[in-house]
């Protein structure tokens, strides 16, 4: 996922002519302010899927049918905090009596408000911290890879030296046998 909200909005606008549900997804993307990244896909059967994340803190997955209705909306706002809007009762999660799940006609408004709220809670510092954590992990993994490669190279050099010693011994033996004839 590397597309910016402007890229996603452009893709949604381009696809709006061919499928009505992309207008719903464009509304969500328009609400995204800040360094959201994401991807927009169509499954070939008329459903469109929008996946976005904001600094690793907020994640959103929205699947909209060709009729322009949400099939599924998954919103993660912290590790272990997940809310799922779905027309299927067995898929719904994160709702209780204190905050009941909104009715289907209100889902778009709820999701847009959730995205706007998430956008307002993440500042540039949080984004830089998140990117730094990712870069630190990549650097540590690269360091481990280099160390493993060095260890492997040392093993190969040792095997090469052993083979070179064996070749030298065989040449010496061959020269001795050749002089003896």
Protein backbone atom coordinates (compact mmCIF):
# COMPACT_ATOMS: atom_id res chain seq x y z
CA UNK A 1 0.00 0.00 0.00
CA UNK A 2 1.76 3.10 -1.19
CA UNK A 3 -0.80 5.31 -2.88
CA UNK A 4 -1.46 8.69 -1.29
CA UNK A 5 -5.02 9.95 -0.70
CA UNK A 6 -4.70 12.10 -3.85
CA UNK A 7 -3.69 9.01 -5.86
CA UNK A 8 -6.59 7.02 -4.40
CA UNK A 9 -9.03 9.85 -5.10
CA UNK A 10 -7.84 10.03 -8.70
CA UNK A 11 -8.32 6.26 -9.11
CA UNK A 12 -11.76 6.45 -7.52
CA UNK A 13 -12.78 9.34 -9.76
CA UNK A 14 -11.54 7.50 -12.84
CA UNK A 15 -13.46 4.37 -11.92
CA UNK A 16 -16.64 6.17 -10.81
CA UNK A 17 -17.97 6.14 -14.35
CA UNK A 18 -17.87 2.34 -14.54
CA UNK A 19 -19.11 1.41 -11.06
CA UNK A 20 -21.43 3.33 -8.75
CA UNK A 21 -19.82 2.04 -5.55
CA UNK A 22 -16.63 3.98 -6.12
CA UNK A 23 -18.43 7.20 -5.21
CA UNK A 24 -18.87 5.77 -1.71
CA UNK A 25 -15.17 4.96 -1.52
CA UNK A 26 -14.27 8.40 -2.88
CA UNK A 27 -16.22 9.95 0.02
CA UNK A 28 -14.04 8.03 2.47
CA UNK A 29 -10.83 8.98 0.66
CA UNK A 30 -11.84 12.65 0.58
CA UNK A 31 -12.20 12.53 4.38
CA UNK A 32 -8.64 11.19 4.74
CA UNK A 33 -6.37 14.03 5.72
CA UNK A 34 -2.68 13.55 6.36
CA UNK A 35 -0.30 10.78 5.37
CA UNK A 36 -2.81 7.98 4.81
CA UNK A 37 -1.57 5.29 2.43
CA UNK A 38 -3.67 2.67 0.76
CA UNK A 39 -4.83 0.66 -2.21
CA UNK A 40 -8.05 0.47 -4.18
CA UNK A 41 -8.99 -2.74 -5.98
CA UNK A 42 -11.97 -4.19 -7.82
CA UNK A 43 -12.63 -7.92 -7.68
CA UNK A 44 -14.08 -8.28 -11.19
CA UNK A 45 -17.52 -9.21 -9.85
CA UNK A 46 -18.58 -5.66 -9.17
CA UNK A 47 -17.26 -5.20 -5.63
CA UNK A 48 -14.59 -2.63 -4.87
CA UNK A 49 -12.23 -2.73 -1.90
CA UNK A 50 -10.42 0.17 -0.27
CA UNK A 51 -7.59 -0.53 2.18
CA UNK A 52 -5.92 2.37 3.97
CA UNK A 53 -3.68 2.88 6.99
CA UNK A 54 -2.41 5.89 8.86
CA UNK A 55 1.01 5.60 10.50
CA UNK A 56 0.30 2.01 11.49
CA UNK A 57 -2.18 3.25 14.12
CA UNK A 58 -5.37 3.24 12.11
CA UNK A 59 -6.40 0.70 9.49
CA UNK A 60 -9.51 0.69 7.36
CA UNK A 61 -10.84 -1.90 4.96
CA UNK A 62 -14.08 -1.09 3.15
CA UNK A 63 -15.76 -3.40 0.64
CA UNK A 64 -18.61 -1.92 -1.38
CA UNK A 65 -20.94 -3.90 -3.64
CA UNK A 66 -21.81 -2.87 -7.19
CA UNK A 67 -25.11 -1.55 -5.80
CA UNK A 68 -23.14 1.02 -3.80
CA UNK A 69 -23.75 -0.59 -0.40
CA UNK A 70 -21.15 -1.59 2.15
CA UNK A 71 -20.58 -5.32 2.32
CA UNK A 72 -17.95 -4.97 5.03
CA UNK A 73 -16.11 -2.17 6.83
CA UNK A 74 -13.30 -3.07 9.20
CA UNK A 75 -11.82 -0.28 11.34
CA UNK A 76 -8.79 -0.84 13.57
CA UNK A 77 -7.81 2.05 15.81
CA UNK A 78 -5.30 0.34 18.12
CA UNK A 79 -3.95 -3.14 18.66
CA UNK A 80 -6.90 -5.25 19.68
CA UNK A 81 -9.48 -2.49 19.07
CA UNK A 82 -11.51 -3.44 16.04
CA UNK A 83 -14.96 -2.58 14.81
CA UNK A 84 -16.60 -4.33 11.92
CA UNK A 85 -19.72 -3.17 10.11
CA UNK A 86 -21.30 -5.94 8.12
CA UNK A 87 -24.66 -7.00 6.82
CA UNK A 88 -23.83 -10.47 8.18
CA UNK A 89 -24.41 -10.66 11.95
CA UNK A 90 -21.72 -13.32 12.42
CA UNK A 91 -19.03 -10.96 11.06
CA UNK A 92 -19.91 -7.88 13.16
CA UNK A 93 -17.47 -7.08 15.97
CA UNK A 94 -16.68 -4.34 18.46
CA UNK A 95 -20.20 -3.12 19.18
CA UNK A 96 -21.94 -3.21 22.53
CA UNK A 97 -24.87 -1.69 24.38
CA UNK A 98 -22.87 1.46 25.17
CA UNK A 99 -22.15 2.06 21.51
CA UNK A 100 -24.47 0.04 19.30
CA UNK A 101 -23.69 -0.54 15.66
CA UNK A 102 -25.19 2.18 13.46
CA UNK A 103 -27.96 1.24 11.04
CA UNK A 104 -26.88 0.56 7.45
CA UNK A 105 -28.04 3.93 6.02
CA UNK A 106 -25.71 5.66 8.52
CA UNK A 107 -22.62 3.54 7.78
CA UNK A 108 -21.06 5.94 5.31
CA UNK A 109 -21.42 8.88 7.69
CA UNK A 110 -19.96 6.79 10.53
CA UNK A 111 -16.95 5.68 8.46
CA UNK A 112 -16.28 9.21 7.15
CA UNK A 113 -16.40 10.56 10.72
CA UNK A 114 -14.07 7.77 11.88
CA UNK A 115 -11.55 8.60 9.14
CA UNK A 116 -11.75 12.32 9.91
CA UNK A 117 -11.27 11.65 13.63
CA UNK A 118 -8.28 9.39 12.96
CA UNK A 119 -6.80 12.02 10.66
CA UNK A 120 -7.01 14.65 13.38
CA UNK A 121 -5.35 12.42 16.00
CA UNK A 122 -2.16 11.66 14.09
CA UNK A 123 0.37 14.45 13.74
CA UNK A 124 3.63 14.60 11.79
CA UNK A 125 5.64 13.48 14.83
CA UNK A 126 3.61 10.25 15.10
CA UNK A 127 4.20 9.56 11.42
CA UNK A 128 7.95 10.12 11.73
CA UNK A 129 8.08 7.87 14.82
CA UNK A 130 6.18 5.15 12.97
CA UNK A 131 8.46 5.42 9.92
CA UNK A 132 11.53 5.37 12.20
CA UNK A 133 10.33 2.17 13.87
CA UNK A 134 9.87 0.55 10.46
CA UNK A 135 13.28 1.74 9.27
CA UNK A 136 14.89 0.45 12.49
CA UNK A 137 13.32 -2.98 11.92
CA UNK A 138 14.50 -3.05 8.30
CA UNK A 139 18.01 -1.98 9.32
CA UNK A 140 18.18 -4.68 12.01
CA UNK A 141 16.97 -7.30 9.52
CA UNK A 142 19.51 -6.14 6.96
CA UNK A 143 22.26 -6.25 9.60
CA UNK A 144 21.28 -9.84 10.45
CA UNK A 145 21.28 -10.76 6.77
CA UNK A 146 24.76 -9.29 6.28
CA UNK A 147 26.06 -11.16 9.34
CA UNK A 148 24.60 -14.43 8.05
CA UNK A 149 26.15 -13.79 4.65
CA UNK A 150 29.53 -13.11 6.27
CA UNK A 151 29.30 -16.34 8.27
CA UNK A 152 28.34 -18.23 5.13
CA UNK A 153 31.21 -16.61 3.25
CA UNK A 154 33.67 -17.63 5.99
CA UNK A 155 32.40 -21.22 5.74
CA UNK A 156 32.76 -21.14 1.95
CA UNK A 157 36.28 -19.72 2.22
CA UNK A 158 37.20 -22.50 4.65
CA UNK A 159 35.79 -25.11 2.27
CA UNK A 160 37.65 -23.46 -0.61
CA UNK A 161 40.92 -23.53 1.37
CA UNK A 162 40.41 -27.21 2.24
CA UNK A 163 39.66 -28.01 -1.41
CA UNK A 164 42.70 -26.00 -2.54
CA UNK A 165 44.88 -27.97 -0.08
CA UNK A 166 43.43 -31.23 -1.41
CA UNK A 167 44.08 -30.15 -5.02
CA UNK A 168 47.67 -29.15 -4.14
CA UNK A 169 48.25 -32.53 -2.46
CA UNK A 170 46.85 -34.38 -5.48
CA UNK A 171 49.06 -32.35 -7.87
CA UNK A 172 52.10 -33.09 -5.77
CA UNK A 173 51.23 -36.78 -5.74
CA UNK A 174 50.61 -36.74 -9.50
CA UNK A 175 53.97 -35.01 -10.12
CA UNK A 176 55.70 -37.57 -7.91
CA UNK A 177 54.05 -40.43 -9.81
CA UNK A 178 54.85 -38.83 -13.16
CA UNK A 179 58.56 -38.43 -12.29
CA UNK A 180 58.69 -41.98 -11.06
CA UNK A 181 57.71 -43.48 -14.43
